[in-house]
Amino acid sequence: MTQTKNLSIGAFTDCYEVLDRAVASNRGIIITCKSPGAAISLRQRLYSARKTLSRHNGQAGDFSTIYDSILIQIDPQRSDKLIIKKRSMEELQITIETLDGEPIEDQDDLTCEAAALRERLNLNDLDLG
């Protein structure tokens, strides 16, 4: 069983700079790394940075971060590239409605929860269409 190290937020300042650029962009960013291994390593660090910030925020009672809607994946055509993009409701290709069949107009919190659940269950690359 692998044990996750307890790291401080300061251990990931470089990662937060990358994630901030992705959040500030319209749709996301692409990063070219020196090798496929470097891309995998950076992706792991970015996910660890997000998880560390979530744990830190959780100490105050809120596990969410501004990075929760970000998807980080290796480019399928070029494994030395990372694609960091914002998820949208359209990409999830889902409709949320009440048990009475009424559509739910304000889905911001539900969208975040659905995206987080998809990530935890590793369903981001699954085509639900």
Protein backbone atom coordinates (compact mmCIF):
# COMPACT_ATOMS: atom_id res chain seq x y z
CA MET A 1 0.00 0.00 0.00
CA THR A 2 1.43 3.34 -1.06
CA GLN A 3 1.36 6.10 1.50
CA THR A 4 0.96 9.70 0.38
CA LYS A 5 3.44 12.13 1.86
CA ASN A 6 2.10 15.11 3.77
CA LEU A 7 3.51 17.97 1.77
CA SER A 8 3.05 21.68 2.26
CA ILE A 9 1.43 23.96 -0.28
CA GLY A 10 4.83 25.64 -0.68
CA ALA A 11 6.24 22.44 -2.20
CA PHE A 12 4.08 23.04 -5.28
CA THR A 13 4.44 26.76 -6.09
CA ASP A 14 5.60 25.89 -9.61
CA CYS A 15 2.52 23.73 -10.11
CA TYR A 16 0.14 26.42 -8.88
CA GLU A 17 1.66 28.84 -11.41
CA VAL A 18 0.89 26.36 -14.21
CA LEU A 19 -2.63 25.69 -12.90
CA ASP A 20 -3.27 29.44 -12.50
CA ARG A 21 -2.37 29.96 -16.17
CA ALA A 22 -4.81 27.23 -17.16
CA VAL A 23 -7.59 28.79 -15.06
CA ALA A 24 -6.86 32.24 -16.54
CA SER A 25 -7.04 30.96 -20.12
CA ASN A 26 -10.23 30.63 -22.15
CA ARG A 27 -10.18 26.85 -22.63
CA GLY A 28 -6.87 25.62 -21.22
CA ILE A 29 -3.18 25.31 -22.08
CA ILE A 30 -0.72 22.86 -23.64
CA ILE A 31 2.69 22.22 -22.10
CA THR A 32 5.53 20.57 -24.03
CA CYS A 33 7.87 18.63 -21.75
CA LYS A 34 11.38 17.36 -22.53
CA SER A 35 10.18 13.73 -22.64
CA PRO A 36 7.09 11.55 -22.12
CA GLY A 37 8.43 10.66 -18.66
CA ALA A 38 8.69 14.33 -17.76
CA ALA A 39 5.08 14.86 -18.88
CA ILE A 40 3.90 12.00 -16.67
CA SER A 41 5.91 13.34 -13.74
CA LEU A 42 4.51 16.86 -14.18
CA ARG A 43 0.96 15.52 -14.43
CA GLN A 44 1.44 13.63 -11.15
CA ARG A 45 2.84 16.76 -9.47
CA LEU A 46 -0.08 18.86 -10.70
CA TYR A 47 -2.59 16.37 -9.32
CA SER A 48 -0.64 16.19 -6.05
CA ALA A 49 -0.63 19.99 -5.83
CA ARG A 50 -4.40 20.09 -6.29
CA LYS A 51 -4.89 17.34 -3.70
CA THR A 52 -2.59 19.09 -1.20
CA LEU A 53 -4.49 22.37 -1.61
CA SER A 54 -7.79 20.52 -1.19
CA ARG A 55 -6.58 18.94 2.06
CA HIS A 56 -5.34 22.33 3.28
CA ASN A 57 -8.73 23.90 2.48
CA GLY A 58 -10.45 20.96 4.16
CA GLN A 59 -8.89 21.94 7.46
CA ALA A 60 -11.12 25.03 7.24
CA GLY A 61 -14.13 22.91 6.27
CA ASP A 62 -14.08 23.34 2.48
CA PHE A 63 -12.24 20.77 0.35
CA SER A 64 -12.87 22.60 -2.93
CA THR A 65 -10.23 24.49 -4.91
CA ILE A 66 -10.28 26.80 -7.92
CA TYR A 67 -8.61 23.96 -9.83
CA ASP A 68 -11.41 21.40 -9.43
CA SER A 69 -12.74 22.00 -12.95
CA ILE A 70 -9.34 21.42 -14.57
CA LEU A 71 -8.59 18.20 -16.47
CA ILE A 72 -4.93 17.23 -16.87
CA GLN A 73 -4.11 14.62 -19.50
CA ILE A 74 -1.28 13.40 -21.69
CA ASP A 75 -1.81 14.31 -25.35
CA PRO A 76 -2.74 11.05 -27.13
CA GLN A 77 -0.78 12.11 -30.26
CA ARG A 78 2.33 13.44 -28.50
CA SER A 79 3.13 11.84 -25.15
CA ASP A 80 5.60 14.62 -24.30
CA LYS A 81 2.71 17.13 -24.15
CA LEU A 82 0.26 17.81 -21.35
CA ILE A 83 -3.18 19.16 -22.11
CA ILE A 84 -4.61 21.12 -19.20
CA LYS A 85 -8.15 22.18 -19.98
CA LYS A 86 -11.23 23.47 -18.28
CA ARG A 87 -14.15 21.08 -18.08
CA SER A 88 -17.56 22.31 -19.09
CA MET A 89 -21.06 21.01 -18.60
CA GLU A 90 -21.23 20.35 -22.34
CA GLU A 91 -18.18 18.08 -22.11
CA LEU A 92 -19.83 16.02 -19.40
CA GLN A 93 -22.72 15.42 -21.82
CA ILE A 94 -25.22 15.01 -19.00
CA THR A 95 -28.55 16.52 -18.02
CA ILE A 96 -29.44 16.95 -14.38
CA GLU A 97 -33.06 17.01 -13.29
CA THR A 98 -35.06 16.50 -10.13
CA LEU A 99 -36.76 13.20 -9.34
CA ASP A 100 -39.96 14.88 -10.56
CA GLY A 101 -38.38 15.27 -14.02
CA GLU A 102 -37.90 19.03 -13.74
CA PRO A 103 -34.62 20.44 -15.09
CA ILE A 104 -32.34 22.11 -12.56
CA GLU A 105 -31.41 25.54 -13.87
CA ASP A 106 -28.57 26.46 -11.49
CA GLN A 107 -26.12 23.57 -11.70
CA ASP A 108 -22.88 25.21 -10.54
CA ASP A 109 -22.51 23.20 -7.32
CA LEU A 110 -23.79 20.05 -8.97
CA THR A 111 -21.43 20.52 -11.90
CA CYS A 112 -18.47 20.75 -9.54
CA GLU A 113 -19.60 17.69 -7.61
CA ALA A 114 -20.19 15.70 -10.81
CA ALA A 115 -16.79 16.66 -12.18
CA ALA A 116 -15.06 15.76 -8.92
CA LEU A 117 -16.86 12.41 -8.81
CA ARG A 118 -15.92 11.67 -12.42
CA GLU A 119 -12.29 12.39 -11.58
CA ARG A 120 -12.29 10.28 -8.41
CA LEU A 121 -13.78 7.37 -10.36
CA ASN A 122 -11.34 7.88 -13.26
CA LEU A 123 -14.19 8.39 -15.72
CA ASN A 124 -12.80 11.50 -17.42
CA ASP A 125 -11.84 9.71 -20.63
CA LEU A 126 -15.02 7.65 -20.77
CA ASP A 127 -17.34 8.52 -23.66
CA LEU A 128 -20.83 8.72 -22.23
CA GLY A 129 -22.42 9.74 -25.56
